Every structure is written in structure tokens, then in C-alpha cells.
Amino acid sequence: MEQRISALCDEKGLRIKQFDTGRERIIGELTVLPITFRVYGLKASIIDLMNHILTQNINVSFVKISLIANEPNLTSPYLTLVLNLRLYRAV
């Protein structure tokens, strides 16, 4: 997943500031991996990244999505996306 997100961010001109994975858990017949990543870039590129993730056939659930303005001037086109998600895989 990290390689896939990295490639998407490179393609969209975004910079990854953080990529952390939590401890895998088995729930029923699924393995659940919590992932948190933080990317920085243009608002339009962040929206493209989110749309791309949504249209792909990836078994994820979004836990929390945060868009953070990096500057006091809210008209700046640069934002930080903090995305907490869970990746589901068959055991």
C-alpha cells in the first residue's frame, strides 16, 4: 500500500510527510491494518488523490480525513491531508 500511495503522490506532485502503519489485527476472516499518512501539496492534487483512491478497487475504510491549511492566509492553494484508514485483506 505504501508503494502504491507513494507512486500516486509522485504522479500528482504531492509530498509524503508521514506514512505509518499500526499493528495488524485479525477480525473474523479479515486482516485489518491501520494506516495513517500525511501529504502536502496543492488542493487540486489532494482532491485528485482522494478521487483516485475512491475509484480504485482497494478494500479500505476511511476513519478520519483532515485537510489542514498550512498558512494563516486561507486563500493559499497548499494544504496538508492527514488520512487515517484501515486496509482490509483476506486472512
C-alpha atoms as a PDB file:
ATOM      1  CA  MET A   1       0.000   0.000   0.000  1.00  0.00           C
ATOM      2  CA  GLU A   2       2.826   2.401   0.833  1.00  0.00           C
ATOM      3  CA  GLN A   3       4.376   1.921  -2.613  1.00  0.00           C
ATOM      4  CA  ARG A   4       1.020   2.485  -4.273  1.00  0.00           C
ATOM      5  CA  ILE A   5       0.362   5.706  -2.322  1.00  0.00           C
ATOM      6  CA  SER A   6       3.939   6.871  -2.984  1.00  0.00           C
ATOM      7  CA  ALA A   7       3.550   6.357  -6.722  1.00  0.00           C
ATOM      8  CA  LEU A   8       0.203   8.201  -6.730  1.00  0.00           C
ATOM      9  CA  CYS A   9       1.651  11.126  -4.775  1.00  0.00           C
ATOM     10  CA  ASP A  10       4.629  11.384  -7.138  1.00  0.00           C
ATOM     11  CA  GLU A  11       2.262  11.330 -10.103  1.00  0.00           C
ATOM     12  CA  LYS A  12       0.124  14.101  -8.619  1.00  0.00           C
ATOM     13  CA  GLY A  13       3.025  16.265  -7.390  1.00  0.00           C
ATOM     14  CA  LEU A  14       2.357  15.685  -3.692  1.00  0.00           C
ATOM     15  CA  ARG A  15       4.976  15.209  -0.993  1.00  0.00           C
ATOM     16  CA  ILE A  16       4.572  12.496   1.636  1.00  0.00           C
ATOM     17  CA  LYS A  17       5.442  13.839   5.082  1.00  0.00           C
ATOM     18  CA  GLN A  18       4.433  10.759   7.095  1.00  0.00           C
ATOM     19  CA  PHE A  19       3.383   7.170   6.454  1.00  0.00           C
ATOM     20  CA  ASP A  20       2.766   4.971   9.496  1.00  0.00           C
ATOM     21  CA  THR A  21       1.176   1.586   9.855  1.00  0.00           C
ATOM     22  CA  GLY A  22      -0.296   0.243  13.049  1.00  0.00           C
ATOM     23  CA  ARG A  23      -0.468  -3.289  14.323  1.00  0.00           C
ATOM     24  CA  GLU A  24      -2.349  -5.750  12.150  1.00  0.00           C
ATOM     25  CA  ARG A  25      -5.379  -7.399  13.712  1.00  0.00           C
ATOM     26  CA  ILE A  26      -7.455 -10.327  12.609  1.00  0.00           C
ATOM     27  CA  ILE A  27     -11.183  -9.677  12.735  1.00  0.00           C
ATOM     28  CA  GLY A  28     -13.235 -12.639  11.602  1.00  0.00           C
ATOM     29  CA  GLU A  29     -11.884 -13.688   8.237  1.00  0.00           C
ATOM     30  CA  LEU A  30     -10.103 -10.387   7.563  1.00  0.00           C
ATOM     31  CA  THR A  31      -6.757  -8.912   8.450  1.00  0.00           C
ATOM     32  CA  VAL A  32      -7.105  -5.215   9.290  1.00  0.00           C
ATOM     33  CA  LEU A  33      -4.114  -2.864   9.025  1.00  0.00           C
ATOM     34  CA  PRO A  34      -4.486   0.717  10.303  1.00  0.00           C
ATOM     35  CA  ILE A  35      -2.622   3.277   8.183  1.00  0.00           C
ATOM     36  CA  THR A  36      -2.031   6.977   8.756  1.00  0.00           C
ATOM     37  CA  PHE A  37      -0.403   9.159   6.150  1.00  0.00           C
ATOM     38  CA  ARG A  38       0.161  12.858   5.709  1.00  0.00           C
ATOM     39  CA  VAL A  39       0.766  14.513   2.338  1.00  0.00           C
ATOM     40  CA  TYR A  40       1.417  18.124   1.371  1.00  0.00           C
ATOM     41  CA  GLY A  41       0.602  19.869  -1.878  1.00  0.00           C
ATOM     42  CA  LEU A  42      -1.897  21.735  -3.966  1.00  0.00           C
ATOM     43  CA  LYS A  43      -5.552  21.400  -3.001  1.00  0.00           C
ATOM     44  CA  ALA A  44      -6.477  20.244  -6.517  1.00  0.00           C
ATOM     45  CA  SER A  45      -3.826  17.486  -6.388  1.00  0.00           C
ATOM     46  CA  ILE A  46      -5.042  16.318  -2.974  1.00  0.00           C
ATOM     47  CA  ILE A  47      -8.608  16.108  -4.285  1.00  0.00           C
ATOM     48  CA  ASP A  48      -7.356  14.153  -7.325  1.00  0.00           C
ATOM     49  CA  LEU A  49      -5.559  11.736  -4.984  1.00  0.00           C
ATOM     50  CA  MET A  50      -8.697  11.200  -2.909  1.00  0.00           C
ATOM     51  CA  ASN A  51     -10.818  10.646  -6.031  1.00  0.00           C
ATOM     52  CA  HIS A  52      -8.280   8.159  -7.344  1.00  0.00           C
ATOM     53  CA  ILE A  53      -8.317   6.187  -4.074  1.00  0.00           C
ATOM     54  CA  LEU A  54     -12.127   6.146  -4.140  1.00  0.00           C
ATOM     55  CA  THR A  55     -12.328   4.857  -7.726  1.00  0.00           C
ATOM     56  CA  GLN A  56      -9.787   2.062  -7.262  1.00  0.00           C
ATOM     57  CA  ASN A  57     -10.787  -1.373  -6.090  1.00  0.00           C
ATOM     58  CA  ILE A  58      -8.981  -1.108  -2.746  1.00  0.00           C
ATOM     59  CA  ASN A  59     -10.557  -2.603   0.355  1.00  0.00           C
ATOM     60  CA  VAL A  60     -10.200   0.355   2.698  1.00  0.00           C
ATOM     61  CA  SER A  61     -12.395   2.246   5.090  1.00  0.00           C
ATOM     62  CA  PHE A  62     -11.754   5.880   5.891  1.00  0.00           C
ATOM     63  CA  VAL A  63     -11.560   6.508   9.619  1.00  0.00           C
ATOM     64  CA  LYS A  64     -10.696  10.206   9.530  1.00  0.00           C
ATOM     65  CA  ILE A  65      -9.911  12.723   6.800  1.00  0.00           C
ATOM     66  CA  SER A  66      -8.383  16.078   7.748  1.00  0.00           C
ATOM     67  CA  LEU A  67      -7.441  18.940   5.434  1.00  0.00           C
ATOM     68  CA  ILE A  68      -5.180  21.423   7.172  1.00  0.00           C
ATOM     69  CA  ALA A  69      -4.283  24.910   5.963  1.00  0.00           C
ATOM     70  CA  ASN A  70      -0.546  25.430   6.368  1.00  0.00           C
ATOM     71  CA  GLU A  71      -0.644  29.187   6.401  1.00  0.00           C
ATOM     72  CA  PRO A  72      -2.797  31.753   8.209  1.00  0.00           C
ATOM     73  CA  ASN A  73      -3.882  33.001   4.772  1.00  0.00           C
ATOM     74  CA  LEU A  74      -6.731  30.615   3.910  1.00  0.00           C
ATOM     75  CA  THR A  75      -6.555  31.518   0.226  1.00  0.00           C
ATOM     76  CA  SER A  76      -3.275  29.596  -0.155  1.00  0.00           C
ATOM     77  CA  PRO A  77      -3.718  26.657  -2.567  1.00  0.00           C
ATOM     78  CA  TYR A  78      -1.402  24.444  -0.462  1.00  0.00           C
ATOM     79  CA  LEU A  79      -2.837  22.076   2.137  1.00  0.00           C
ATOM     80  CA  THR A  80      -1.854  19.076   4.204  1.00  0.00           C
ATOM     81  CA  LEU A  81      -4.031  15.976   4.012  1.00  0.00           C
ATOM     82  CA  VAL A  82      -3.997  13.666   7.021  1.00  0.00           C
ATOM     83  CA  LEU A  83      -5.736  10.406   6.222  1.00  0.00           C
ATOM     84  CA  ASN A  84      -6.450   7.628   8.708  1.00  0.00           C
ATOM     85  CA  LEU A  85      -7.726   4.488   7.066  1.00  0.00           C
ATOM     86  CA  ARG A  86      -7.978   0.747   7.533  1.00  0.00           C
ATOM     87  CA  LEU A  87      -6.802  -1.682   4.874  1.00  0.00           C
ATOM     88  CA  TYR A  88      -8.679  -4.992   4.771  1.00  0.00           C
ATOM     89  CA  ARG A  89      -7.226  -8.222   3.398  1.00  0.00           C
ATOM     90  CA  ALA A  90      -8.349 -11.845   3.455  1.00  0.00           C
ATOM     91  CA  VAL A  91      -6.586 -13.982   6.078  1.00  0.00           C
END
